[in-house]
Amino acid sequence: MSRKKKLSRDVAVIGGGLTKLGLFKDRNSKDFFAEAYLEMMSSVDKGIDPKEIGAIYFGNFTNDFFVHQAHWAPILADLLGQVPKP
């Protein structure tokens, strides 16, 4: 018999955003992230105040190779004004 663990609180994914694909020599990782973030914020049906965001989870697998910055999450959280959120 398998046991299912229940989350300790409710979680919701309320929006999503992507960047345009292509070669953009005049843009960097922060520019791409900001574009995806703004698209995510505008995709929320009834809008959201950034202060209501409880946590942000970043995923990136090449930034340390291209930008030589391995710990990108705190930098991006600061860019969004979401510090000290995890």
N, C-alpha and C. Protein backbone atom coordinates (compact mmCIF):
# COMPACT_ATOMS: atom_id res chain seq x y z
N MET A 1 0.85 -1.17 0.00
CA MET A 1 0.00 0.00 0.00
C MET A 1 0.90 1.24 0.00
N SER A 2 0.65 2.13 -0.93
CA SER A 2 1.47 3.35 -0.99
C SER A 2 0.87 4.43 -0.11
N ARG A 3 1.74 5.20 0.48
CA ARG A 3 1.30 6.32 1.31
C ARG A 3 1.53 7.61 0.53
N LYS A 4 0.52 8.41 0.46
CA LYS A 4 0.65 9.70 -0.20
C LYS A 4 0.89 10.77 0.86
N LYS A 5 1.90 11.56 0.62
CA LYS A 5 2.17 12.66 1.54
C LYS A 5 1.36 13.86 1.12
N LYS A 6 0.77 14.50 2.09
CA LYS A 6 -0.01 15.70 1.83
C LYS A 6 0.89 16.92 2.03
N LEU A 7 0.77 17.88 1.13
CA LEU A 7 1.52 19.12 1.29
C LEU A 7 1.07 19.83 2.55
N SER A 8 1.99 20.51 3.19
CA SER A 8 1.64 21.18 4.44
C SER A 8 0.81 22.44 4.22
N ARG A 9 0.72 22.88 2.96
CA ARG A 9 -0.10 24.05 2.65
C ARG A 9 -0.50 23.99 1.19
N ASP A 10 -1.50 24.78 0.84
CA ASP A 10 -1.94 24.82 -0.55
C ASP A 10 -0.93 25.59 -1.40
N VAL A 11 -0.73 25.11 -2.61
CA VAL A 11 0.19 25.72 -3.56
C VAL A 11 -0.54 25.93 -4.86
N ALA A 12 -0.26 27.02 -5.56
CA ALA A 12 -0.91 27.29 -6.84
C ALA A 12 0.09 27.86 -7.82
N VAL A 13 0.03 27.37 -9.05
CA VAL A 13 0.75 27.98 -10.16
C VAL A 13 -0.26 28.87 -10.85
N ILE A 14 -0.04 30.16 -10.86
CA ILE A 14 -1.06 31.09 -11.34
C ILE A 14 -0.76 31.71 -12.69
N GLY A 15 0.43 31.49 -13.20
CA GLY A 15 0.78 32.08 -14.49
C GLY A 15 2.09 31.51 -14.99
N GLY A 16 2.43 31.84 -16.21
CA GLY A 16 3.69 31.38 -16.79
C GLY A 16 4.13 32.33 -17.88
N GLY A 17 5.41 32.35 -18.14
CA GLY A 17 5.93 33.22 -19.18
C GLY A 17 7.14 32.62 -19.86
N LEU A 18 7.32 32.96 -21.11
CA LEU A 18 8.45 32.49 -21.91
C LEU A 18 9.08 33.67 -22.62
N THR A 19 10.31 33.49 -23.07
CA THR A 19 10.95 34.49 -23.91
C THR A 19 10.85 34.06 -25.36
N LYS A 20 11.02 35.00 -26.25
CA LYS A 20 11.06 34.67 -27.67
C LYS A 20 12.35 33.89 -27.94
N LEU A 21 12.28 32.92 -28.84
CA LEU A 21 13.45 32.13 -29.18
C LEU A 21 14.20 32.78 -30.33
N GLY A 22 15.50 32.71 -30.29
CA GLY A 22 16.31 33.27 -31.36
C GLY A 22 17.66 33.71 -30.84
N LEU A 23 18.44 34.32 -31.71
CA LEU A 23 19.76 34.84 -31.35
C LEU A 23 19.63 36.34 -31.11
N PHE A 24 19.91 36.76 -29.89
CA PHE A 24 19.79 38.16 -29.50
C PHE A 24 21.11 38.61 -28.89
N LYS A 25 22.01 39.12 -29.70
CA LYS A 25 23.34 39.49 -29.24
C LYS A 25 23.34 40.69 -28.30
N ASP A 26 22.30 41.49 -28.34
CA ASP A 26 22.24 42.70 -27.51
C ASP A 26 21.51 42.48 -26.19
N ARG A 27 21.15 41.23 -25.86
CA ARG A 27 20.41 40.94 -24.63
C ARG A 27 21.18 39.95 -23.78
N ASN A 28 20.92 39.99 -22.46
CA ASN A 28 21.58 39.06 -21.55
C ASN A 28 20.54 38.27 -20.76
N SER A 29 21.00 37.44 -19.86
CA SER A 29 20.10 36.57 -19.09
C SER A 29 19.07 37.36 -18.28
N LYS A 30 19.48 38.48 -17.70
CA LYS A 30 18.53 39.29 -16.93
C LYS A 30 17.42 39.82 -17.83
N ASP A 31 17.77 40.24 -19.04
CA ASP A 31 16.76 40.73 -19.99
C ASP A 31 15.74 39.64 -20.31
N PHE A 32 16.24 38.43 -20.57
CA PHE A 32 15.34 37.32 -20.91
C PHE A 32 14.45 36.98 -19.72
N PHE A 33 15.03 36.94 -18.53
CA PHE A 33 14.24 36.63 -17.35
C PHE A 33 13.17 37.68 -17.12
N ALA A 34 13.54 38.96 -17.24
CA ALA A 34 12.57 40.04 -17.04
C ALA A 34 11.42 39.92 -18.04
N GLU A 35 11.73 39.57 -19.28
CA GLU A 35 10.68 39.40 -20.30
C GLU A 35 9.72 38.28 -19.90
N ALA A 36 10.26 37.15 -19.47
CA ALA A 36 9.41 36.02 -19.07
C ALA A 36 8.59 36.37 -17.83
N TYR A 37 9.20 37.07 -16.88
CA TYR A 37 8.49 37.47 -15.65
C TYR A 37 7.33 38.40 -15.97
N LEU A 38 7.57 39.40 -16.81
CA LEU A 38 6.49 40.33 -17.17
C LEU A 38 5.37 39.63 -17.91
N GLU A 39 5.71 38.68 -18.77
CA GLU A 39 4.68 37.90 -19.47
C GLU A 39 3.89 37.07 -18.47
N MET A 40 4.58 36.48 -17.50
CA MET A 40 3.90 35.68 -16.47
C MET A 40 2.93 36.55 -15.69
N MET A 41 3.38 37.73 -15.28
CA MET A 41 2.51 38.62 -14.50
C MET A 41 1.28 39.04 -15.30
N SER A 42 1.44 39.26 -16.60
CA SER A 42 0.29 39.66 -17.41
C SER A 42 -0.61 38.49 -17.77
N SER A 43 -0.13 37.24 -17.58
CA SER A 43 -0.94 36.07 -17.90
C SER A 43 -1.93 35.71 -16.80
N VAL A 44 -1.76 36.28 -15.62
CA VAL A 44 -2.65 35.99 -14.50
C VAL A 44 -4.02 36.60 -14.79
N ASP A 45 -5.07 35.78 -14.71
CA ASP A 45 -6.41 36.21 -15.10
C ASP A 45 -6.86 37.51 -14.47
N LYS A 46 -6.77 37.61 -13.17
CA LYS A 46 -7.31 38.79 -12.47
C LYS A 46 -6.20 39.67 -11.91
N GLY A 47 -4.98 39.45 -12.35
CA GLY A 47 -3.86 40.25 -11.87
C GLY A 47 -3.39 39.80 -10.50
N ILE A 48 -2.20 40.20 -10.15
CA ILE A 48 -1.65 39.86 -8.83
C ILE A 48 -0.70 40.97 -8.41
N ASP A 49 -0.74 41.26 -7.14
CA ASP A 49 0.21 42.20 -6.56
C ASP A 49 1.48 41.41 -6.26
N PRO A 50 2.65 41.86 -6.72
CA PRO A 50 3.89 41.12 -6.44
C PRO A 50 4.11 40.84 -4.96
N LYS A 51 3.52 41.65 -4.08
CA LYS A 51 3.66 41.41 -2.64
C LYS A 51 2.93 40.15 -2.20
N GLU A 52 1.99 39.66 -3.02
CA GLU A 52 1.24 38.45 -2.69
C GLU A 52 2.01 37.17 -3.03
N ILE A 53 3.11 37.29 -3.73
CA ILE A 53 3.89 36.11 -4.13
C ILE A 53 4.62 35.58 -2.90
N GLY A 54 4.34 34.33 -2.55
CA GLY A 54 4.92 33.73 -1.36
C GLY A 54 6.30 33.16 -1.55
N ALA A 55 6.61 32.69 -2.74
CA ALA A 55 7.93 32.12 -3.02
C ALA A 55 8.13 32.08 -4.52
N ILE A 56 9.37 32.12 -4.92
CA ILE A 56 9.72 32.03 -6.34
C ILE A 56 10.77 30.93 -6.47
N TYR A 57 10.59 30.07 -7.46
CA TYR A 57 11.54 28.99 -7.71
C TYR A 57 12.14 29.18 -9.09
N PHE A 58 13.44 29.29 -9.15
CA PHE A 58 14.14 29.53 -10.41
C PHE A 58 14.79 28.24 -10.89
N GLY A 59 14.78 28.05 -12.19
CA GLY A 59 15.48 26.93 -12.80
C GLY A 59 16.34 27.45 -13.94
N ASN A 60 17.60 27.04 -13.95
CA ASN A 60 18.51 27.48 -15.00
C ASN A 60 19.65 26.49 -15.07
N PHE A 61 20.00 26.06 -16.27
CA PHE A 61 21.06 25.06 -16.36
C PHE A 61 22.28 25.51 -17.14
N THR A 62 22.28 26.70 -17.73
CA THR A 62 23.43 27.12 -18.52
C THR A 62 24.01 28.46 -18.12
N ASN A 63 23.41 29.15 -17.19
CA ASN A 63 23.87 30.50 -16.89
C ASN A 63 25.31 30.55 -16.42
N ASP A 64 25.73 29.57 -15.63
CA ASP A 64 27.12 29.58 -15.17
C ASP A 64 28.10 29.41 -16.33
N PHE A 65 27.68 28.72 -17.38
CA PHE A 65 28.53 28.53 -18.55
C PHE A 65 28.61 29.80 -19.39
N PHE A 66 27.46 30.43 -19.64
CA PHE A 66 27.42 31.59 -20.53
C PHE A 66 27.76 32.92 -19.83
N VAL A 67 27.34 33.07 -18.60
CA VAL A 67 27.50 34.35 -17.90
C VAL A 67 28.52 34.24 -16.77
N HIS A 68 28.95 33.03 -16.46
CA HIS A 68 29.91 32.78 -15.38
C HIS A 68 29.36 33.22 -14.03
N GLN A 69 28.07 32.96 -13.83
CA GLN A 69 27.41 33.27 -12.57
C GLN A 69 26.54 32.08 -12.20
N ALA A 70 27.01 31.25 -11.26
CA ALA A 70 26.30 30.02 -10.93
C ALA A 70 25.07 30.25 -10.06
N HIS A 71 25.14 31.12 -9.10
CA HIS A 71 24.03 31.33 -8.16
C HIS A 71 23.16 32.49 -8.64
N TRP A 72 22.31 32.20 -9.59
CA TRP A 72 21.53 33.22 -10.29
C TRP A 72 20.24 33.57 -9.55
N ALA A 73 19.68 32.66 -8.79
CA ALA A 73 18.38 32.88 -8.15
C ALA A 73 18.35 34.11 -7.25
N PRO A 74 19.32 34.34 -6.35
CA PRO A 74 19.24 35.53 -5.50
C PRO A 74 19.35 36.83 -6.30
N ILE A 75 20.10 36.81 -7.37
CA ILE A 75 20.25 38.00 -8.21
C ILE A 75 18.93 38.33 -8.88
N LEU A 76 18.25 37.31 -9.39
CA LEU A 76 16.96 37.54 -10.05
C LEU A 76 15.88 37.91 -9.05
N ALA A 77 15.89 37.31 -7.88
CA ALA A 77 14.92 37.68 -6.84
C ALA A 77 15.09 39.15 -6.47
N ASP A 78 16.33 39.60 -6.38
CA ASP A 78 16.60 41.01 -6.09
C ASP A 78 16.10 41.90 -7.22
N LEU A 79 16.31 41.48 -8.46
CA LEU A 79 15.84 42.23 -9.62
C LEU A 79 14.33 42.45 -9.56
N LEU A 80 13.60 41.44 -9.05
CA LEU A 80 12.14 41.51 -8.96
C LEU A 80 11.64 42.17 -7.69
N GLY A 81 12.54 42.49 -6.78
CA GLY A 81 12.11 43.05 -5.50
C GLY A 81 11.49 42.00 -4.60
N GLN A 82 11.86 40.74 -4.77
CA GLN A 82 11.27 39.64 -4.00
C GLN A 82 12.23 39.11 -2.94
N VAL A 83 13.17 39.89 -2.52
CA VAL A 83 14.11 39.48 -1.48
C VAL A 83 13.50 39.84 -0.13
N PRO A 84 13.55 39.05 0.90
CA PRO A 84 14.33 37.83 1.09
C PRO A 84 13.52 36.56 0.89
N LYS A 85 12.62 36.50 -0.05
CA LYS A 85 11.83 35.30 -0.28
C LYS A 85 12.74 34.16 -0.73
N PRO A 86 12.39 32.92 -0.39
CA PRO A 86 13.25 31.79 -0.78
C PRO A 86 13.26 31.58 -2.28
